[in-house]
């Protein structure tokens, strides 16, 4: 068997998240998801969280901090937000769609 087995390590979704975090600096899953669906093809929130965890194990992302926030959520009174930033293995390519989105946000 000459070919590699299993899933390829590279992922377009994870690369898109790298592009978002490059401009965002740091962010948690839902924030990243909201930006992602504005710019890229539709993806599930579950997929975003999967790629954040996978990217952390590949050192593309690092956990910057974990916050517990109190509020009135549908699941209870507390939410845990894990903030991610780019890790040493991340290689942003500077996607112009993301750059344009962030430049428009700054103008507002």
PDB file of N, CA and C in Angstrom:
ATOM      1  N   UNK A   1       0.840  -1.181   0.000  1.00  0.00           N
ATOM      2  CA  UNK A   1       0.000   0.000   0.000  1.00  0.00           C
ATOM      3  C   UNK A   1       0.887   1.246   0.000  1.00  0.00           C
ATOM      4  N   UNK A   2       0.855   1.965  -1.084  1.00  0.00           N
ATOM      5  CA  UNK A   2       1.717   3.131  -1.234  1.00  0.00           C
ATOM      6  C   UNK A   2       1.067   4.398  -0.692  1.00  0.00           C
ATOM      7  N   UNK A   3      -0.270   4.533  -0.747  1.00  0.00           N
ATOM      8  CA  UNK A   3      -0.950   5.756  -0.327  1.00  0.00           C
ATOM      9  C   UNK A   3      -1.138   5.836   1.178  1.00  0.00           C
ATOM     10  N   UNK A   4      -1.273   7.067   1.656  1.00  0.00           N
ATOM     11  CA  UNK A   4      -1.546   7.271   3.076  1.00  0.00           C
ATOM     12  C   UNK A   4      -2.994   6.944   3.366  1.00  0.00           C
ATOM     13  N   UNK A   5      -3.218   6.450   4.559  1.00  0.00           N
ATOM     14  CA  UNK A   5      -4.573   6.113   4.972  1.00  0.00           C
ATOM     15  C   UNK A   5      -5.098   7.161   5.935  1.00  0.00           C
ATOM     16  N   UNK A   6      -6.408   7.235   6.021  1.00  0.00           N
ATOM     17  CA  UNK A   6      -7.034   8.135   6.971  1.00  0.00           C
ATOM     18  C   UNK A   6      -7.254   9.532   6.395  1.00  0.00           C
ATOM     19  N   UNK A   7      -7.700  10.402   7.263  1.00  0.00           N
ATOM     20  CA  UNK A   7      -7.981  11.774   6.866  1.00  0.00           C
ATOM     21  C   UNK A   7      -6.697  12.551   6.623  1.00  0.00           C
ATOM     22  N   UNK A   8      -6.721  13.457   5.646  1.00  0.00           N
ATOM     23  CA  UNK A   8      -5.554  14.316   5.471  1.00  0.00           C
ATOM     24  C   UNK A   8      -5.448  15.290   6.649  1.00  0.00           C
ATOM     25  N   UNK A   9      -4.245  15.665   7.012  1.00  0.00           N
ATOM     26  CA  UNK A   9      -4.041  16.566   8.147  1.00  0.00           C
ATOM     27  C   UNK A   9      -4.501  17.976   7.792  1.00  0.00           C
ATOM     28  N   UNK A  10      -4.332  18.376   6.566  1.00  0.00           N
ATOM     29  CA  UNK A  10      -4.704  19.709   6.126  1.00  0.00           C
ATOM     30  C   UNK A  10      -6.225  19.816   6.006  1.00  0.00           C
ATOM     31  N   UNK A  11      -6.776  20.961   6.389  1.00  0.00           N
ATOM     32  CA  UNK A  11      -8.218  21.174   6.311  1.00  0.00           C
ATOM     33  C   UNK A  11      -8.491  22.616   5.882  1.00  0.00           C
ATOM     34  N   UNK A  12      -9.377  22.789   4.918  1.00  0.00           N
ATOM     35  CA  UNK A  12      -9.721  24.140   4.470  1.00  0.00           C
ATOM     36  C   UNK A  12     -10.473  24.895   5.558  1.00  0.00           C
ATOM     37  N   UNK A  13     -11.317  24.212   6.306  1.00  0.00           N
ATOM     38  CA  UNK A  13     -12.047  24.874   7.395  1.00  0.00           C
ATOM     39  C   UNK A  13     -11.061  25.397   8.428  1.00  0.00           C
ATOM     40  N   UNK A  14     -10.089  24.563   8.809  1.00  0.00           N
ATOM     41  CA  UNK A  14      -9.099  24.985   9.800  1.00  0.00           C
ATOM     42  C   UNK A  14      -8.254  26.141   9.260  1.00  0.00           C
ATOM     43  N   UNK A  15      -7.908  26.108   7.984  1.00  0.00           N
ATOM     44  CA  UNK A  15      -7.155  27.210   7.392  1.00  0.00           C
ATOM     45  C   UNK A  15      -7.974  28.500   7.421  1.00  0.00           C
ATOM     46  N   UNK A  16      -9.273  28.405   7.172  1.00  0.00           N
ATOM     47  CA  UNK A  16     -10.141  29.587   7.241  1.00  0.00           C
ATOM     48  C   UNK A  16     -10.199  30.144   8.663  1.00  0.00           C
ATOM     49  N   UNK A  17     -10.205  29.264   9.662  1.00  0.00           N
ATOM     50  CA  UNK A  17     -10.197  29.706  11.060  1.00  0.00           C
ATOM     51  C   UNK A  17      -8.867  30.404  11.364  1.00  0.00           C
ATOM     52  N   UNK A  18      -7.777  29.902  10.822  1.00  0.00           N
ATOM     53  CA  UNK A  18      -6.466  30.554  10.991  1.00  0.00           C
ATOM     54  C   UNK A  18      -6.523  31.971  10.430  1.00  0.00           C
ATOM     55  N   UNK A  19      -7.140  32.124   9.260  1.00  0.00           N
ATOM     56  CA  UNK A  19      -7.261  33.454   8.649  1.00  0.00           C
ATOM     57  C   UNK A  19      -8.059  34.389   9.561  1.00  0.00           C
ATOM     58  N   UNK A  20      -9.153  33.890  10.128  1.00  0.00           N
ATOM     59  CA  UNK A  20      -9.986  34.705  11.018  1.00  0.00           C
ATOM     60  C   UNK A  20      -9.198  35.118  12.252  1.00  0.00           C
ATOM     61  N   UNK A  21      -8.526  34.157  12.891  1.00  0.00           N
ATOM     62  CA  UNK A  21      -7.771  34.480  14.108  1.00  0.00           C
ATOM     63  C   UNK A  21      -6.583  35.394  13.822  1.00  0.00           C
ATOM     64  N   UNK A  22      -6.059  35.355  12.615  1.00  0.00           N
ATOM     65  CA  UNK A  22      -4.960  36.256  12.257  1.00  0.00           C
ATOM     66  C   UNK A  22      -5.396  37.709  12.425  1.00  0.00           C
ATOM     67  N   UNK A  23      -6.614  38.027  11.991  1.00  0.00           N
ATOM     68  CA  UNK A  23      -7.120  39.395  12.095  1.00  0.00           C
ATOM     69  C   UNK A  23      -7.784  39.667  13.436  1.00  0.00           C
ATOM     70  N   UNK A  24      -8.412  38.655  14.019  1.00  0.00           N
ATOM     71  CA  UNK A  24      -9.136  38.816  15.278  1.00  0.00           C
ATOM     72  C   UNK A  24      -8.189  38.889  16.477  1.00  0.00           C
ATOM     73  N   UNK A  25      -7.072  38.194  16.399  1.00  0.00           N
ATOM     74  CA  UNK A  25      -6.135  38.149  17.527  1.00  0.00           C
ATOM     75  C   UNK A  25      -6.439  36.980  18.437  1.00  0.00           C
ATOM     76  N   UNK A  26      -7.599  37.030  19.074  1.00  0.00           N
ATOM     77  CA  UNK A  26      -8.072  35.901  19.874  1.00  0.00           C
ATOM     78  C   UNK A  26      -9.585  35.866  19.783  1.00  0.00           C
ATOM     79  N   UNK A  27     -10.154  34.700  19.995  1.00  0.00           N
ATOM     80  CA  UNK A  27     -11.600  34.589  19.941  1.00  0.00           C
ATOM     81  C   UNK A  27     -12.051  33.234  20.451  1.00  0.00           C
ATOM     82  N   UNK A  28     -13.320  33.150  20.814  1.00  0.00           N
ATOM     83  CA  UNK A  28     -13.870  31.874  21.261  1.00  0.00           C
ATOM     84  C   UNK A  28     -14.767  31.318  20.157  1.00  0.00           C
ATOM     85  N   UNK A  29     -15.133  30.071  20.293  1.00  0.00           N
ATOM     86  CA  UNK A  29     -15.801  29.320  19.244  1.00  0.00           C
ATOM     87  C   UNK A  29     -16.967  30.019  18.581  1.00  0.00           C
ATOM     88  N   UNK A  30     -17.896  30.553  19.356  1.00  0.00           N
ATOM     89  CA  UNK A  30     -19.087  31.153  18.751  1.00  0.00           C
ATOM     90  C   UNK A  30     -18.749  32.419  17.982  1.00  0.00           C
ATOM     91  N   UNK A  31     -17.841  33.251  18.503  1.00  0.00           N
ATOM     92  CA  UNK A  31     -17.400  34.449  17.772  1.00  0.00           C
ATOM     93  C   UNK A  31     -16.778  34.074  16.432  1.00  0.00           C
ATOM     94  N   UNK A  32     -15.923  33.064  16.459  1.00  0.00           N
ATOM     95  CA  UNK A  32     -15.269  32.598  15.230  1.00  0.00           C
ATOM     96  C   UNK A  32     -16.317  32.077  14.253  1.00  0.00           C
ATOM     97  N   UNK A  33     -17.283  31.332  14.759  1.00  0.00           N
ATOM     98  CA  UNK A  33     -18.365  30.787  13.920  1.00  0.00           C
ATOM     99  C   UNK A  33     -19.147  31.917  13.235  1.00  0.00           C
ATOM    100  N   UNK A  34     -19.519  32.962  13.988  1.00  0.00           N
ATOM    101  CA  UNK A  34     -20.298  34.061  13.416  1.00  0.00           C
ATOM    102  C   UNK A  34     -19.547  34.739  12.274  1.00  0.00           C
ATOM    103  N   UNK A  35     -18.247  34.934  12.431  1.00  0.00           N
ATOM    104  CA  UNK A  35     -17.448  35.540  11.365  1.00  0.00           C
ATOM    105  C   UNK A  35     -17.326  34.575  10.194  1.00  0.00           C
ATOM    106  N   UNK A  36     -17.100  33.313  10.490  1.00  0.00           N
ATOM    107  CA  UNK A  36     -16.906  32.290   9.453  1.00  0.00           C
ATOM    108  C   UNK A  36     -18.086  32.258   8.484  1.00  0.00           C
ATOM    109  N   UNK A  37     -19.312  32.208   9.023  1.00  0.00           N
ATOM    110  CA  UNK A  37     -20.488  32.066   8.150  1.00  0.00           C
ATOM    111  C   UNK A  37     -20.788  33.337   7.361  1.00  0.00           C
ATOM    112  N   UNK A  38     -20.223  34.472   7.760  1.00  0.00           N
ATOM    113  CA  UNK A  38     -20.381  35.701   6.975  1.00  0.00           C
ATOM    114  C   UNK A  38     -19.548  35.663   5.702  1.00  0.00           C
ATOM    115  N   UNK A  39     -18.415  34.952   5.742  1.00  0.00           N
ATOM    116  CA  UNK A  39     -17.440  35.023   4.660  1.00  0.00           C
ATOM    117  C   UNK A  39     -17.344  33.741   3.846  1.00  0.00           C
ATOM    118  N   UNK A  40     -17.364  32.596   4.504  1.00  0.00           N
ATOM    119  CA  UNK A  40     -17.102  31.316   3.850  1.00  0.00           C
ATOM    120  C   UNK A  40     -18.387  30.503   3.712  1.00  0.00           C
ATOM    121  N   UNK A  41     -18.342  29.400   2.956  1.00  0.00           N
ATOM    122  CA  UNK A  41     -19.533  28.547   2.828  1.00  0.00           C
ATOM    123  C   UNK A  41     -20.021  28.056   4.192  1.00  0.00           C
ATOM    124  N   UNK A  42     -21.323  27.811   4.258  1.00  0.00           N
ATOM    125  CA  UNK A  42     -21.944  27.414   5.520  1.00  0.00           C
ATOM    126  C   UNK A  42     -21.263  26.193   6.128  1.00  0.00           C
ATOM    127  N   UNK A  43     -21.082  26.252   7.439  1.00  0.00           N
ATOM    128  CA  UNK A  43     -20.462  25.183   8.207  1.00  0.00           C
ATOM    129  C   UNK A  43     -21.201  25.102   9.541  1.00  0.00           C
ATOM    130  N   UNK A  44     -21.181  23.952  10.171  1.00  0.00           N
ATOM    131  CA  UNK A  44     -21.863  23.829  11.464  1.00  0.00           C
ATOM    132  C   UNK A  44     -20.954  24.318  12.582  1.00  0.00           C
ATOM    133  N   UNK A  45     -21.583  24.748  13.660  1.00  0.00           N
ATOM    134  CA  UNK A  45     -20.811  25.173  14.825  1.00  0.00           C
ATOM    135  C   UNK A  45     -20.015  23.989  15.382  1.00  0.00           C
ATOM    136  N   UNK A  46     -20.600  22.825  15.312  1.00  0.00           N
ATOM    137  CA  UNK A  46     -19.916  21.614  15.789  1.00  0.00           C
ATOM    138  C   UNK A  46     -18.605  21.396  15.033  1.00  0.00           C
ATOM    139  N   UNK A  47     -18.623  21.652  13.742  1.00  0.00           N
ATOM    140  CA  UNK A  47     -17.420  21.501  12.931  1.00  0.00           C
ATOM    141  C   UNK A  47     -16.352  22.521  13.334  1.00  0.00           C
ATOM    142  N   UNK A  48     -16.765  23.746  13.634  1.00  0.00           N
ATOM    143  CA  UNK A  48     -15.815  24.777  14.087  1.00  0.00           C
ATOM    144  C   UNK A  48     -15.138  24.318  15.374  1.00  0.00           C
ATOM    145  N   UNK A  49     -15.920  23.838  16.335  1.00  0.00           N
ATOM    146  CA  UNK A  49     -15.343  23.379  17.605  1.00  0.00           C
ATOM    147  C   UNK A  49     -14.417  22.179  17.393  1.00  0.00           C
ATOM    148  N   UNK A  50     -14.781  21.284  16.484  1.00  0.00           N
ATOM    149  CA  UNK A  50     -13.914  20.140  16.187  1.00  0.00           C
ATOM    150  C   UNK A  50     -12.558  20.636  15.675  1.00  0.00           C
ATOM    151  N   UNK A  51     -12.591  21.559  14.728  1.00  0.00           N
ATOM    152  CA  UNK A  51     -11.349  22.040  14.129  1.00  0.00           C
ATOM    153  C   UNK A  51     -10.524  22.885  15.100  1.00  0.00           C
ATOM    154  N   UNK A  52     -11.170  23.562  16.025  1.00  0.00           N
ATOM    155  CA  UNK A  52     -10.410  24.276  17.055  1.00  0.00           C
ATOM    156  C   UNK A  52      -9.652  23.285  17.939  1.00  0.00           C
ATOM    157  N   UNK A  53     -10.321  22.199  18.333  1.00  0.00           N
ATOM    158  CA  UNK A  53      -9.647  21.178  19.150  1.00  0.00           C
ATOM    159  C   UNK A  53      -8.535  20.498  18.364  1.00  0.00           C
ATOM    160  N   UNK A  54      -8.810  20.117  17.115  1.00  0.00           N
ATOM    161  CA  UNK A  54      -7.822  19.457  16.269  1.00  0.00           C
ATOM    162  C   UNK A  54      -6.633  20.390  16.011  1.00  0.00           C
ATOM    163  N   UNK A  55      -6.919  21.646  15.722  1.00  0.00           N
ATOM    164  CA  UNK A  55      -5.861  22.625  15.479  1.00  0.00           C
ATOM    165  C   UNK A  55      -5.007  22.856  16.712  1.00  0.00           C
ATOM    166  N   UNK A  56      -5.599  22.744  17.887  1.00  0.00           N
ATOM    167  CA  UNK A  56      -4.836  22.875  19.130  1.00  0.00           C
ATOM    168  C   UNK A  56      -3.858  21.719  19.259  1.00  0.00           C
ATOM    169  N   UNK A  57      -4.301  20.510  18.928  1.00  0.00           N
ATOM    170  CA  UNK A  57      -3.401  19.356  19.012  1.00  0.00           C
ATOM    171  C   UNK A  57      -2.299  19.423  17.955  1.00  0.00           C
ATOM    172  N   UNK A  58      -2.552  20.106  16.836  1.00  0.00           N
ATOM    173  CA  UNK A  58      -1.542  20.267  15.785  1.00  0.00           C
ATOM    174  C   UNK A  58      -0.690  21.527  15.979  1.00  0.00           C
ATOM    175  N   UNK A  59      -0.933  22.251  17.076  1.00  0.00           N
ATOM    176  CA  UNK A  59      -0.218  23.481  17.428  1.00  0.00           C
ATOM    177  C   UNK A  59      -0.491  24.628  16.453  1.00  0.00           C
ATOM    178  N   UNK A  60      -1.611  24.546  15.726  1.00  0.00           N
ATOM    179  CA  UNK A  60      -2.026  25.668  14.888  1.00  0.00           C
ATOM    180  C   UNK A  60      -2.748  26.721  15.735  1.00  0.00           C
ATOM    181  N   UNK A  61      -3.355  26.280  16.824  1.00  0.00           N
ATOM    182  CA  UNK A  61      -4.033  27.167  17.765  1.00  0.00           C
ATOM    183  C   UNK A  61      -3.509  26.887  19.168  1.00  0.00           C
ATOM    184  N   UNK A  62      -3.618  27.902  20.015  1.00  0.00           N
ATOM    185  CA  UNK A  62      -3.300  27.747  21.433  1.00  0.00           C
ATOM    186  C   UNK A  62      -4.466  28.287  22.239  1.00  0.00           C
ATOM    187  N   UNK A  63      -4.723  27.675  23.384  1.00  0.00           N
ATOM    188  CA  UNK A  63      -5.745  28.192  24.292  1.00  0.00           C
ATOM    189  C   UNK A  63      -5.108  29.349  25.050  1.00  0.00           C
ATOM    190  N   UNK A  64      -5.697  30.530  24.899  1.00  0.00           N
ATOM    191  CA  UNK A  64      -5.168  31.703  25.599  1.00  0.00           C
ATOM    192  C   UNK A  64      -5.741  31.800  27.004  1.00  0.00           C
ATOM    193  N   UNK A  65      -7.039  31.592  27.123  1.00  0.00           N
ATOM    194  CA  UNK A  65      -7.658  31.626  28.442  1.00  0.00           C
ATOM    195  C   UNK A  65      -9.011  30.942  28.394  1.00  0.00           C
ATOM    196  N   UNK A  66      -9.472  30.552  29.562  1.00  0.00           N
ATOM    197  CA  UNK A  66     -10.800  29.958  29.712  1.00  0.00           C
ATOM    198  C   UNK A  66     -11.568  30.821  30.703  1.00  0.00           C
ATOM    199  N   UNK A  67     -12.718  31.323  30.275  1.00  0.00           N
ATOM    200  CA  UNK A  67     -13.537  32.186  31.131  1.00  0.00           C
ATOM    201  C   UNK A  67     -14.865  31.506  31.417  1.00  0.00           C
ATOM    202  N   UNK A  68     -15.310  31.631  32.627  1.00  0.00           N
ATOM    203  CA  UNK A  68     -16.661  31.217  32.988  1.00  0.00           C
ATOM    204  C   UNK A  68     -17.473  32.493  33.161  1.00  0.00           C
ATOM    205  N   UNK A  69     -18.553  32.585  32.380  1.00  0.00           N
ATOM    206  CA  UNK A  69     -19.380  33.792  32.433  1.00  0.00           C
ATOM    207  C   UNK A  69     -20.781  33.440  32.887  1.00  0.00           C
ATOM    208  N   UNK A  70     -21.273  34.230  33.805  1.00  0.00           N
ATOM    209  CA  UNK A  70     -22.627  34.039  34.291  1.00  0.00           C
ATOM    210  C   UNK A  70     -23.595  34.777  33.378  1.00  0.00           C
ATOM    211  N   UNK A  71     -24.782  34.200  33.228  1.00  0.00           N
ATOM    212  CA  UNK A  71     -25.802  34.811  32.392  1.00  0.00           C
ATOM    213  C   UNK A  71     -27.059  33.968  32.404  1.00  0.00           C
ATOM    214  N   UNK A  72     -28.017  34.383  31.636  1.00  0.00           N
ATOM    215  CA  UNK A  72     -29.280  33.656  31.539  1.00  0.00           C
ATOM    216  C   UNK A  72     -29.289  32.910  30.211  1.00  0.00           C
ATOM    217  N   UNK A  73     -28.694  31.727  30.193  1.00  0.00           N
ATOM    218  CA  UNK A  73     -28.579  30.919  28.984  1.00  0.00           C
ATOM    219  C   UNK A  73     -29.659  29.850  28.970  1.00  0.00           C
ATOM    220  N   UNK A  74     -29.962  29.338  27.798  1.00  0.00           N
ATOM    221  CA  UNK A  74     -30.996  28.310  27.685  1.00  0.00           C
ATOM    222  C   UNK A  74     -30.609  27.029  28.414  1.00  0.00           C
ATOM    223  N   UNK A  75     -29.317  26.793  28.618  1.00  0.00           N
ATOM    224  CA  UNK A  75     -28.848  25.571  29.273  1.00  0.00           C
ATOM    225  C   UNK A  75     -28.521  25.773  30.747  1.00  0.00           C
ATOM    226  N   UNK A  76     -28.599  27.007  31.226  1.00  0.00           N
ATOM    227  CA  UNK A  76     -28.297  27.244  32.643  1.00  0.00           C
ATOM    228  C   UNK A  76     -27.831  28.661  32.887  1.00  0.00           C
ATOM    229  N   UNK A  77     -27.092  28.841  33.968  1.00  0.00           N
ATOM    230  CA  UNK A  77     -26.688  30.184  34.366  1.00  0.00           C
ATOM    231  C   UNK A  77     -25.213  30.480  34.119  1.00  0.00           C
ATOM    232  N   UNK A  78     -24.489  29.536  33.533  1.00  0.00           N
ATOM    233  CA  UNK A  78     -23.059  29.745  33.344  1.00  0.00           C
ATOM    234  C   UNK A  78     -22.616  29.184  31.991  1.00  0.00           C
ATOM    235  N   UNK A  79     -21.676  29.898  31.366  1.00  0.00           N
ATOM    236  CA  UNK A  79     -21.099  29.439  30.099  1.00  0.00           C
ATOM    237  C   UNK A  79     -19.577  29.461  30.224  1.00  0.00           C
ATOM    238  N   UNK A  80     -18.942  28.450  29.644  1.00  0.00           N
ATOM    239  CA  UNK A  80     -17.482  28.402  29.618  1.00  0.00           C
ATOM    240  C   UNK A  80     -17.029  28.794  28.221  1.00  0.00           C
ATOM    241  N   UNK A  81     -16.208  29.825  28.154  1.00  0.00           N
ATOM    242  CA  UNK A  81     -15.704  30.295  26.865  1.00  0.00           C
ATOM    243  C   UNK A  81     -14.199  30.044  26.817  1.00  0.00           C
ATOM    244  N   UNK A  82     -13.789  29.286  25.814  1.00  0.00           N
ATOM    245  CA  UNK A  82     -12.367  28.991  25.621  1.00  0.00           C
ATOM    246  C   UNK A  82     -11.868  29.906  24.514  1.00  0.00           C
ATOM    247  N   UNK A  83     -10.950  30.794  24.860  1.00  0.00           N
ATOM    248  CA  UNK A  83     -10.401  31.738  23.896  1.00  0.00           C
ATOM    249  C   UNK A  83      -9.151  31.148  23.256  1.00  0.00           C
ATOM    250  N   UNK A  84      -9.122  31.197  21.919  1.00  0.00           N
ATOM    251  CA  UNK A  84      -8.008  30.653  21.145  1.00  0.00           C
ATOM    252  C   UNK A  84      -7.237  31.773  20.481  1.00  0.00           C
ATOM    253  N   UNK A  85      -5.958  31.528  20.237  1.00  0.00           N
ATOM    254  CA  UNK A  85      -5.114  32.415  19.446  1.00  0.00           C
ATOM    255  C   UNK A  85      -4.278  31.533  18.525  1.00  0.00           C
ATOM    256  N   UNK A  86      -3.578  32.153  17.591  1.00  0.00           N
ATOM    257  CA  UNK A  86      -2.756  31.378  16.663  1.00  0.00           C
ATOM    258  C   UNK A  86      -1.571  30.746  17.388  1.00  0.00           C
ATOM    259  N   UNK A  87      -1.256  29.527  17.005  1.00  0.00           N
ATOM    260  CA  UNK A  87      -0.117  28.816  17.562  1.00  0.00           C
ATOM    261  C   UNK A  87       1.077  28.889  16.619  1.00  0.00           C
ATOM    262  N   UNK A  88       2.185  28.267  17.010  1.00  0.00           N
ATOM    263  CA  UNK A  88       3.413  28.344  16.215  1.00  0.00           C
ATOM    264  C   UNK A  88       3.329  27.641  14.857  1.00  0.00           C
ATOM    265  N   UNK A  89       2.444  26.679  14.684  1.00  0.00           N
ATOM    266  CA  UNK A  89       2.345  25.956  13.415  1.00  0.00           C
ATOM    267  C   UNK A  89       1.359  26.606  12.439  1.00  0.00           C
ATOM    268  N   UNK A  90       0.683  27.674  12.861  1.00  0.00           N
ATOM    269  CA  UNK A  90      -0.292  28.341  11.986  1.00  0.00           C
ATOM    270  C   UNK A  90       0.442  29.101  10.886  1.00  0.00           C
ATOM    271  N   UNK A  91      -0.098  29.000   9.695  1.00  0.00           N
ATOM    272  CA  UNK A  91       0.480  29.704   8.549  1.00  0.00           C
ATOM    273  C   UNK A  91      -0.623  30.484   7.832  1.00  0.00           C
ATOM    274  N   UNK A  92      -0.919  31.708   8.319  1.00  0.00           N
ATOM    275  CA  UNK A  92      -1.959  32.497   7.660  1.00  0.00           C
ATOM    276  C   UNK A  92      -1.541  32.896   6.244  1.00  0.00           C
ATOM    277  N   UNK A  93      -2.511  32.914   5.347  1.00  0.00           N
ATOM    278  CA  UNK A  93      -2.252  33.280   3.951  1.00  0.00           C
ATOM    279  C   UNK A  93      -2.853  34.635   3.611  1.00  0.00           C
ATOM    280  N   UNK A  94      -3.448  35.294   4.577  1.00  0.00           N
ATOM    281  CA  UNK A  94      -4.078  36.606   4.423  1.00  0.00           C
ATOM    282  C   UNK A  94      -5.159  36.574   3.332  1.00  0.00           C
ATOM    283  N   UNK A  95      -6.285  36.021   3.680  1.00  0.00           N
ATOM    284  CA  UNK A  95      -7.436  35.946   2.794  1.00  0.00           C
ATOM    285  C   UNK A  95      -8.053  37.342   2.675  1.00  0.00           C
ATOM    286  N   UNK A  96      -8.197  37.823   1.459  1.00  0.00           N
ATOM    287  CA  UNK A  96      -8.691  39.175   1.220  1.00  0.00           C
ATOM    288  C   UNK A  96     -10.148  39.355   1.653  1.00  0.00           C
ATOM    289  N   UNK A  97     -10.950  38.290   1.638  1.00  0.00           N
ATOM    290  CA  UNK A  97     -12.340  38.403   2.092  1.00  0.00           C
ATOM    291  C   UNK A  97     -12.392  38.729   3.582  1.00  0.00           C
ATOM    292  N   UNK A  98     -11.499  38.102   4.345  1.00  0.00           N
ATOM    293  CA  UNK A  98     -11.445  38.367   5.792  1.00  0.00           C
ATOM    294  C   UNK A  98     -10.916  39.777   6.039  1.00  0.00           C
ATOM    295  N   UNK A  99      -9.845  40.135   5.330  1.00  0.00           N
ATOM    296  CA  UNK A  99      -9.270  41.478   5.495  1.00  0.00           C
ATOM    297  C   UNK A  99     -10.339  42.539   5.221  1.00  0.00           C
ATOM    298  N   UNK A 100     -11.100  42.367   4.149  1.00  0.00           N
ATOM    299  CA  UNK A 100     -12.139  43.330   3.786  1.00  0.00           C
ATOM    300  C   UNK A 100     -13.198  43.418   4.887  1.00  0.00           C
ATOM    301  N   UNK A 101     -13.620  42.278   5.425  1.00  0.00           N
ATOM    302  CA  UNK A 101     -14.613  42.262   6.496  1.00  0.00           C
ATOM    303  C   UNK A 101     -14.122  43.039   7.710  1.00  0.00           C
ATOM    304  N   UNK A 102     -12.878  42.810   8.124  1.00  0.00           N
ATOM    305  CA  UNK A 102     -12.345  43.491   9.297  1.00  0.00           C
ATOM    306  C   UNK A 102     -12.113  44.977   9.030  1.00  0.00           C
ATOM    307  N   UNK A 103     -11.735  45.341   7.813  1.00  0.00           N
ATOM    308  CA  UNK A 103     -11.579  46.760   7.477  1.00  0.00           C
ATOM    309  C   UNK A 103     -12.927  47.468   7.507  1.00  0.00           C
ATOM    310  N   UNK A 104     -13.986  46.796   7.059  1.00  0.00           N
ATOM    311  CA  UNK A 104     -15.328  47.381   7.111  1.00  0.00           C
ATOM    312  C   UNK A 104     -15.794  47.547   8.546  1.00  0.00           C
ATOM    313  N   UNK A 105     -15.463  46.591   9.407  1.00  0.00           N
ATOM    314  CA  UNK A 105     -15.853  46.664  10.822  1.00  0.00           C
ATOM    315  C   UNK A 105     -15.162  47.832  11.509  1.00  0.00           C
ATOM    316  N   UNK A 106     -13.912  48.102  11.155  1.00  0.00           N
ATOM    317  CA  UNK A 106     -13.162  49.191  11.763  1.00  0.00           C
ATOM    318  C   UNK A 106     -13.760  50.536  11.374  1.00  0.00           C
ATOM    319  N   UNK A 107     -14.281  50.638  10.150  1.00  0.00           N
ATOM    320  CA  UNK A 107     -14.864  51.892   9.672  1.00  0.00           C
ATOM    321  C   UNK A 107     -16.163  52.241  10.383  1.00  0.00           C
ATOM    322  N   UNK A 108     -16.860  51.254  10.945  1.00  0.00           N
ATOM    323  CA  UNK A 108     -18.149  51.490  11.610  1.00  0.00           C
ATOM    324  C   UNK A 108     -18.006  52.160  12.928  1.00  0.00           C
TER     325      UNK A 108
END
